[in-house]
PDB file of all heavy atoms in Angstrom:
ATOM      1  N   MET A   1      54.715 -41.005  36.423  1.00  0.00           N
ATOM      2  CA  MET A   1      54.773 -42.425  36.205  1.00  0.00           C
ATOM      3  C   MET A   1      56.067 -42.997  36.766  1.00  0.00           C
ATOM      4  O   MET A   1      56.047 -44.040  37.399  1.00  0.00           O
ATOM      5  CB  MET A   1      54.660 -42.712  34.708  1.00  0.00           C
ATOM      6  CG  MET A   1      54.710 -44.191  34.393  1.00  0.00           C
ATOM      7  SD  MET A   1      54.593 -44.525  32.650  1.00  0.00           S
ATOM      8  CE  MET A   1      56.290 -44.489  32.200  1.00  0.00           C
ATOM      9  N   TRP A   2      57.178 -42.306  36.539  1.00  0.00           N
ATOM     10  CA  TRP A   2      58.459 -42.820  37.030  1.00  0.00           C
ATOM     11  C   TRP A   2      58.491 -42.851  38.552  1.00  0.00           C
ATOM     12  O   TRP A   2      59.013 -43.790  39.149  1.00  0.00           O
ATOM     13  CB  TRP A   2      59.610 -41.969  36.499  1.00  0.00           C
ATOM     14  CG  TRP A   2      59.865 -42.167  35.040  1.00  0.00           C
ATOM     15  CD1 TRP A   2      59.583 -41.277  34.046  1.00  0.00           C
ATOM     16  CD2 TRP A   2      60.399 -43.323  34.404  1.00  0.00           C
ATOM     17  NE1 TRP A   2      59.924 -41.815  32.840  1.00  0.00           N
ATOM     18  CE2 TRP A   2      60.434 -43.071  33.021  1.00  0.00           C
ATOM     19  CE3 TRP A   2      60.854 -44.544  34.863  1.00  0.00           C
ATOM     20  CZ2 TRP A   2      60.906 -43.981  32.101  1.00  0.00           C
ATOM     21  CZ3 TRP A   2      61.331 -45.464  33.939  1.00  0.00           C
ATOM     22  CH2 TRP A   2      61.349 -45.185  32.588  1.00  0.00           C
ATOM     23  N   VAL A   3      57.935 -41.845  39.184  1.00  0.00           N
ATOM     24  CA  VAL A   3      57.909 -41.811  40.649  1.00  0.00           C
ATOM     25  C   VAL A   3      57.072 -42.967  41.171  1.00  0.00           C
ATOM     26  O   VAL A   3      57.430 -43.623  42.146  1.00  0.00           O
ATOM     27  CB  VAL A   3      57.370 -40.455  41.153  1.00  0.00           C
ATOM     28  CG1 VAL A   3      57.185 -40.468  42.653  1.00  0.00           C
ATOM     29  CG2 VAL A   3      58.303 -39.334  40.745  1.00  0.00           C
ATOM     30  N   TYR A   4      55.955 -43.241  40.528  1.00  0.00           N
ATOM     31  CA  TYR A   4      55.099 -44.365  40.930  1.00  0.00           C
ATOM     32  C   TYR A   4      55.860 -45.677  40.822  1.00  0.00           C
ATOM     33  O   TYR A   4      55.780 -46.517  41.729  1.00  0.00           O
ATOM     34  CB  TYR A   4      53.834 -44.403  40.071  1.00  0.00           C
ATOM     35  CG  TYR A   4      52.974 -45.610  40.335  1.00  0.00           C
ATOM     36  CD1 TYR A   4      52.228 -45.709  41.499  1.00  0.00           C
ATOM     37  CD2 TYR A   4      52.930 -46.662  39.437  1.00  0.00           C
ATOM     38  CE1 TYR A   4      51.453 -46.815  41.767  1.00  0.00           C
ATOM     39  CE2 TYR A   4      52.164 -47.780  39.678  1.00  0.00           C
ATOM     40  CZ  TYR A   4      51.415 -47.861  40.846  1.00  0.00           C
ATOM     41  OH  TYR A   4      50.661 -48.964  41.093  1.00  0.00           O
ATOM     42  N   LEU A   5      56.605 -45.863  39.747  1.00  0.00           N
ATOM     43  CA  LEU A   5      57.379 -47.101  39.592  1.00  0.00           C
ATOM     44  C   LEU A   5      58.457 -47.218  40.665  1.00  0.00           C
ATOM     45  O   LEU A   5      58.712 -48.316  41.170  1.00  0.00           O
ATOM     46  CB  LEU A   5      57.987 -47.169  38.192  1.00  0.00           C
ATOM     47  CG  LEU A   5      56.989 -47.327  37.051  1.00  0.00           C
ATOM     48  CD1 LEU A   5      57.700 -47.233  35.714  1.00  0.00           C
ATOM     49  CD2 LEU A   5      56.235 -48.639  37.181  1.00  0.00           C
ATOM     50  N   TRP A   6      59.079 -46.101  41.021  1.00  0.00           N
ATOM     51  CA  TRP A   6      60.079 -46.138  42.089  1.00  0.00           C
ATOM     52  C   TRP A   6      59.410 -46.434  43.437  1.00  0.00           C
ATOM     53  O   TRP A   6      59.995 -47.093  44.292  1.00  0.00           O
ATOM     54  CB  TRP A   6      60.843 -44.814  42.168  1.00  0.00           C
ATOM     55  CG  TRP A   6      61.958 -44.759  41.170  1.00  0.00           C
ATOM     56  CD1 TRP A   6      61.960 -44.089  39.992  1.00  0.00           C
ATOM     57  CD2 TRP A   6      63.229 -45.407  41.254  1.00  0.00           C
ATOM     58  NE1 TRP A   6      63.142 -44.280  39.342  1.00  0.00           N
ATOM     59  CE2 TRP A   6      63.946 -45.078  40.084  1.00  0.00           C
ATOM     60  CE3 TRP A   6      63.836 -46.233  42.199  1.00  0.00           C
ATOM     61  CZ2 TRP A   6      65.232 -45.542  39.843  1.00  0.00           C
ATOM     62  CZ3 TRP A   6      65.116 -46.691  41.951  1.00  0.00           C
ATOM     63  CH2 TRP A   6      65.804 -46.352  40.791  1.00  0.00           C
ATOM     64  N   CYS A   7      58.192 -45.949  43.629  1.00  0.00           N
ATOM     65  CA  CYS A   7      57.485 -46.202  44.891  1.00  0.00           C
ATOM     66  C   CYS A   7      57.094 -47.667  45.021  1.00  0.00           C
ATOM     67  O   CYS A   7      56.863 -48.140  46.142  1.00  0.00           O
ATOM     68  CB  CYS A   7      56.246 -45.323  44.994  1.00  0.00           C
ATOM     69  SG  CYS A   7      56.624 -43.629  45.446  1.00  0.00           S
ATOM     70  N   LEU A   8      56.976 -48.378  43.913  1.00  0.00           N
ATOM     71  CA  LEU A   8      56.675 -49.800  43.988  1.00  0.00           C
ATOM     72  C   LEU A   8      57.801 -50.569  44.676  1.00  0.00           C
ATOM     73  O   LEU A   8      57.551 -51.588  45.318  1.00  0.00           O
ATOM     74  CB  LEU A   8      56.426 -50.377  42.594  1.00  0.00           C
ATOM     75  CG  LEU A   8      55.109 -49.979  41.941  1.00  0.00           C
ATOM     76  CD1 LEU A   8      55.039 -50.564  40.537  1.00  0.00           C
ATOM     77  CD2 LEU A   8      53.920 -50.421  42.757  1.00  0.00           C
ATOM     78  N   LEU A   9      59.025 -50.086  44.526  1.00  0.00           N
ATOM     79  CA  LEU A   9      60.148 -50.744  45.194  1.00  0.00           C
ATOM     80  C   LEU A   9      60.034 -50.570  46.707  1.00  0.00           C
ATOM     81  O   LEU A   9      59.978 -51.528  47.446  1.00  0.00           O
ATOM     82  CB  LEU A   9      61.473 -50.173  44.697  1.00  0.00           C
ATOM     83  CG  LEU A   9      61.811 -50.441  43.245  1.00  0.00           C
ATOM     84  CD1 LEU A   9      63.088 -49.700  42.868  1.00  0.00           C
ATOM     85  CD2 LEU A   9      61.978 -51.919  43.001  1.00  0.00           C
ATOM     86  N   LEU A  10      60.026 -49.358  47.119  1.00  0.00           N
ATOM     87  CA  LEU A  10      59.864 -48.978  48.528  1.00  0.00           C
ATOM     88  C   LEU A  10      59.467 -47.514  48.561  1.00  0.00           C
ATOM     89  O   LEU A  10      59.590 -46.798  47.572  1.00  0.00           O
ATOM     90  CB  LEU A  10      61.165 -49.178  49.313  1.00  0.00           C
ATOM     91  CG  LEU A  10      61.541 -50.622  49.662  1.00  0.00           C
ATOM     92  CD1 LEU A  10      62.901 -50.647  50.310  1.00  0.00           C
ATOM     93  CD2 LEU A  10      60.540 -51.288  50.567  1.00  0.00           C
ATOM     94  N   ILE A  11      59.035 -47.053  49.695  1.00  0.00           N
ATOM     95  CA  ILE A  11      58.608 -45.664  49.832  1.00  0.00           C
ATOM     96  C   ILE A  11      59.798 -44.707  49.744  1.00  0.00           C
ATOM     97  O   ILE A  11      59.728 -43.684  49.061  1.00  0.00           O
ATOM     98  CB  ILE A  11      57.853 -45.454  51.166  1.00  0.00           C
ATOM     99  CG1 ILE A  11      56.620 -46.341  51.223  1.00  0.00           C
ATOM    100  CG2 ILE A  11      57.497 -43.995  51.362  1.00  0.00           C
ATOM    101  CD1 ILE A  11      55.590 -46.049  50.163  1.00  0.00           C
ATOM    102  N   ILE A  12      60.888 -45.034  50.408  1.00  0.00           N
ATOM    103  CA  ILE A  12      62.045 -44.137  50.465  1.00  0.00           C
ATOM    104  C   ILE A  12      62.644 -43.880  49.078  1.00  0.00           C
ATOM    105  O   ILE A  12      62.894 -42.717  48.737  1.00  0.00           O
ATOM    106  CB  ILE A  12      63.111 -44.673  51.452  1.00  0.00           C
ATOM    107  CG1 ILE A  12      62.525 -44.860  52.847  1.00  0.00           C
ATOM    108  CG2 ILE A  12      64.333 -43.770  51.481  1.00  0.00           C
ATOM    109  CD1 ILE A  12      61.979 -43.604  53.481  1.00  0.00           C
ATOM    110  N   PRO A  13      62.881 -44.923  48.244  1.00  0.00           N
ATOM    111  CA  PRO A  13      63.385 -44.613  46.898  1.00  0.00           C
ATOM    112  C   PRO A  13      62.416 -43.758  46.092  1.00  0.00           C
ATOM    113  O   PRO A  13      62.837 -42.920  45.293  1.00  0.00           O
ATOM    114  CB  PRO A  13      63.559 -45.981  46.240  1.00  0.00           C
ATOM    115  CG  PRO A  13      63.724 -46.923  47.361  1.00  0.00           C
ATOM    116  CD  PRO A  13      62.888 -46.370  48.475  1.00  0.00           C
ATOM    117  N   GLY A  14      61.123 -43.932  46.310  1.00  0.00           N
ATOM    118  CA  GLY A  14      60.138 -43.098  45.620  1.00  0.00           C
ATOM    119  C   GLY A  14      60.237 -41.645  46.020  1.00  0.00           C
ATOM    120  O   GLY A  14      60.117 -40.749  45.182  1.00  0.00           O
ATOM    121  N   ILE A  15      60.455 -41.397  47.310  1.00  0.00           N
ATOM    122  CA  ILE A  15      60.617 -40.018  47.792  1.00  0.00           C
ATOM    123  C   ILE A  15      61.888 -39.405  47.221  1.00  0.00           C
ATOM    124  O   ILE A  15      61.885 -38.255  46.768  1.00  0.00           O
ATOM    125  CB  ILE A  15      60.619 -39.984  49.337  1.00  0.00           C
ATOM    126  CG1 ILE A  15      59.245 -40.367  49.868  1.00  0.00           C
ATOM    127  CG2 ILE A  15      61.045 -38.610  49.843  1.00  0.00           C
ATOM    128  CD1 ILE A  15      59.200 -40.564  51.366  1.00  0.00           C
ATOM    129  N   ILE A  16      62.966 -40.180  47.216  1.00  0.00           N
ATOM    130  CA  ILE A  16      64.241 -39.675  46.698  1.00  0.00           C
ATOM    131  C   ILE A  16      64.120 -39.333  45.218  1.00  0.00           C
ATOM    132  O   ILE A  16      64.571 -38.281  44.762  1.00  0.00           O
ATOM    133  CB  ILE A  16      65.364 -40.699  46.956  1.00  0.00           C
ATOM    134  CG1 ILE A  16      65.632 -40.798  48.453  1.00  0.00           C
ATOM    135  CG2 ILE A  16      66.636 -40.318  46.205  1.00  0.00           C
ATOM    136  CD1 ILE A  16      66.554 -41.933  48.854  1.00  0.00           C
ATOM    137  N   LYS A  17      63.487 -40.216  44.447  1.00  0.00           N
ATOM    138  CA  LYS A  17      63.336 -39.957  43.018  1.00  0.00           C
ATOM    139  C   LYS A  17      62.369 -38.807  42.744  1.00  0.00           C
ATOM    140  O   LYS A  17      62.549 -38.057  41.792  1.00  0.00           O
ATOM    141  CB  LYS A  17      62.882 -41.217  42.277  1.00  0.00           C
ATOM    142  CG  LYS A  17      64.007 -42.148  41.978  1.00  0.00           C
ATOM    143  CD  LYS A  17      65.056 -41.443  41.139  1.00  0.00           C
ATOM    144  CE  LYS A  17      66.196 -42.348  40.796  1.00  0.00           C
ATOM    145  NZ  LYS A  17      67.220 -41.686  40.000  1.00  0.00           N
ATOM    146  N   SER A  18      61.339 -38.666  43.570  1.00  0.00           N
ATOM    147  CA  SER A  18      60.425 -37.541  43.356  1.00  0.00           C
ATOM    148  C   SER A  18      61.138 -36.218  43.597  1.00  0.00           C
ATOM    149  O   SER A  18      60.873 -35.232  42.907  1.00  0.00           O
ATOM    150  CB  SER A  18      59.193 -37.663  44.247  1.00  0.00           C
ATOM    151  OG  SER A  18      59.529 -37.469  45.595  1.00  0.00           O
ATOM    152  N   ILE A  19      62.067 -36.198  44.543  1.00  0.00           N
ATOM    153  CA  ILE A  19      62.864 -34.987  44.763  1.00  0.00           C
ATOM    154  C   ILE A  19      63.830 -34.786  43.598  1.00  0.00           C
ATOM    155  O   ILE A  19      64.031 -33.657  43.134  1.00  0.00           O
ATOM    156  CB  ILE A  19      63.600 -35.063  46.112  1.00  0.00           C
ATOM    157  CG1 ILE A  19      62.592 -34.990  47.259  1.00  0.00           C
ATOM    158  CG2 ILE A  19      64.637 -33.954  46.231  1.00  0.00           C
ATOM    159  CD1 ILE A  19      63.179 -35.241  48.620  1.00  0.00           C
ATOM    160  N   ALA A  20      64.413 -35.887  43.096  1.00  0.00           N
ATOM    161  CA  ALA A  20      65.338 -35.773  41.969  1.00  0.00           C
ATOM    162  C   ALA A  20      64.641 -35.249  40.721  1.00  0.00           C
ATOM    163  O   ALA A  20      65.223 -34.490  39.946  1.00  0.00           O
ATOM    164  CB  ALA A  20      65.978 -37.130  41.678  1.00  0.00           C
ATOM    165  N   TYR A  21      63.388 -35.619  40.510  1.00  0.00           N
ATOM    166  CA  TYR A  21      62.638 -35.185  39.336  1.00  0.00           C
ATOM    167  C   TYR A  21      61.876 -33.880  39.571  1.00  0.00           C
ATOM    168  O   TYR A  21      61.222 -33.385  38.663  1.00  0.00           O
ATOM    169  CB  TYR A  21      61.620 -36.248  38.929  1.00  0.00           C
ATOM    170  CG  TYR A  21      62.201 -37.573  38.507  1.00  0.00           C
ATOM    171  CD1 TYR A  21      61.506 -38.758  38.721  1.00  0.00           C
ATOM    172  CD2 TYR A  21      63.431 -37.663  37.878  1.00  0.00           C
ATOM    173  CE1 TYR A  21      62.014 -39.978  38.330  1.00  0.00           C
ATOM    174  CE2 TYR A  21      63.955 -38.881  37.485  1.00  0.00           C
ATOM    175  CZ  TYR A  21      63.244 -40.033  37.711  1.00  0.00           C
ATOM    176  OH  TYR A  21      63.749 -41.238  37.320  1.00  0.00           O
ATOM    177  N   SER A  22      61.949 -33.306  40.757  1.00  0.00           N
ATOM    178  CA  SER A  22      61.091 -32.170  41.112  1.00  0.00           C
ATOM    179  C   SER A  22      61.347 -30.911  40.292  1.00  0.00           C
ATOM    180  O   SER A  22      60.448 -30.085  40.148  1.00  0.00           O
ATOM    181  CB  SER A  22      61.246 -31.856  42.598  1.00  0.00           C
ATOM    182  OG  SER A  22      62.563 -31.410  42.874  1.00  0.00           O
ATOM    183  N   MET A  23      62.507 -30.727  39.755  1.00  0.00           N
ATOM    184  CA  MET A  23      62.811 -29.515  38.998  1.00  0.00           C
ATOM    185  C   MET A  23      62.440 -29.619  37.531  1.00  0.00           C
ATOM    186  O   MET A  23      62.534 -28.644  36.786  1.00  0.00           O
ATOM    187  CB  MET A  23      64.302 -29.172  39.123  1.00  0.00           C
ATOM    188  CG  MET A  23      64.738 -28.868  40.530  1.00  0.00           C
ATOM    189  SD  MET A  23      63.936 -27.397  41.161  1.00  0.00           S
ATOM    190  CE  MET A  23      63.647 -27.865  42.835  1.00  0.00           C
ATOM    191  N   SER A  24      61.997 -30.790  37.077  1.00  0.00           N
ATOM    192  CA  SER A  24      61.713 -30.977  35.650  1.00  0.00           C
ATOM    193  C   SER A  24      60.557 -30.098  35.170  1.00  0.00           C
ATOM    194  O   SER A  24      60.588 -29.604  34.035  1.00  0.00           O
ATOM    195  CB  SER A  24      61.430 -32.446  35.351  1.00  0.00           C
ATOM    196  OG  SER A  24      60.327 -32.905  36.090  1.00  0.00           O
ATOM    197  N   MET A  25      59.555 -29.881  35.996  1.00  0.00           N
ATOM    198  CA  MET A  25      58.445 -29.007  35.584  1.00  0.00           C
ATOM    199  C   MET A  25      58.917 -27.574  35.361  1.00  0.00           C
ATOM    200  O   MET A  25      58.472 -26.903  34.430  1.00  0.00           O
ATOM    201  CB  MET A  25      57.340 -29.016  36.641  1.00  0.00           C
ATOM    202  CG  MET A  25      56.640 -30.342  36.781  1.00  0.00           C
ATOM    203  SD  MET A  25      55.296 -30.293  37.963  1.00  0.00           S
ATOM    204  CE  MET A  25      56.171 -29.966  39.487  1.00  0.00           C
ATOM    205  N   TYR A  26      59.828 -27.118  36.198  1.00  0.00           N
ATOM    206  CA  TYR A  26      60.343 -25.766  36.062  1.00  0.00           C
ATOM    207  C   TYR A  26      61.257 -25.649  34.848  1.00  0.00           C
ATOM    208  O   TYR A  26      61.289 -24.610  34.193  1.00  0.00           O
ATOM    209  CB  TYR A  26      61.076 -25.341  37.333  1.00  0.00           C
ATOM    210  CG  TYR A  26      60.167 -25.293  38.526  1.00  0.00           C
ATOM    211  CD1 TYR A  26      60.177 -26.302  39.476  1.00  0.00           C
ATOM    212  CD2 TYR A  26      59.274 -24.253  38.683  1.00  0.00           C
ATOM    213  CE1 TYR A  26      59.322 -26.268  40.564  1.00  0.00           C
ATOM    214  CE2 TYR A  26      58.412 -24.204  39.766  1.00  0.00           C
ATOM    215  CZ  TYR A  26      58.445 -25.218  40.704  1.00  0.00           C
ATOM    216  OH  TYR A  26      57.596 -25.177  41.767  1.00  0.00           O
ATOM    217  N   ILE A  27      61.995 -26.719  34.545  1.00  0.00           N
ATOM    218  CA  ILE A  27      62.861 -26.717  33.368  1.00  0.00           C
ATOM    219  C   ILE A  27      62.012 -26.596  32.107  1.00  0.00           C
ATOM    220  O   ILE A  27      62.309 -25.805  31.213  1.00  0.00           O
ATOM    221  CB  ILE A  27      63.729 -27.995  33.342  1.00  0.00           C
ATOM    222  CG1 ILE A  27      64.727 -27.983  34.501  1.00  0.00           C
ATOM    223  CG2 ILE A  27      64.459 -28.122  32.009  1.00  0.00           C
ATOM    224  CD1 ILE A  27      65.448 -29.289  34.722  1.00  0.00           C
TER     225      ILE A  27
END
């Protein structure tokens, strides 16, 4: 959901945030 909200701003911030959140599943 958070990645989707960031993608609403622009594509690039969505990609950056998806990478920032990418380790949460492993945590």
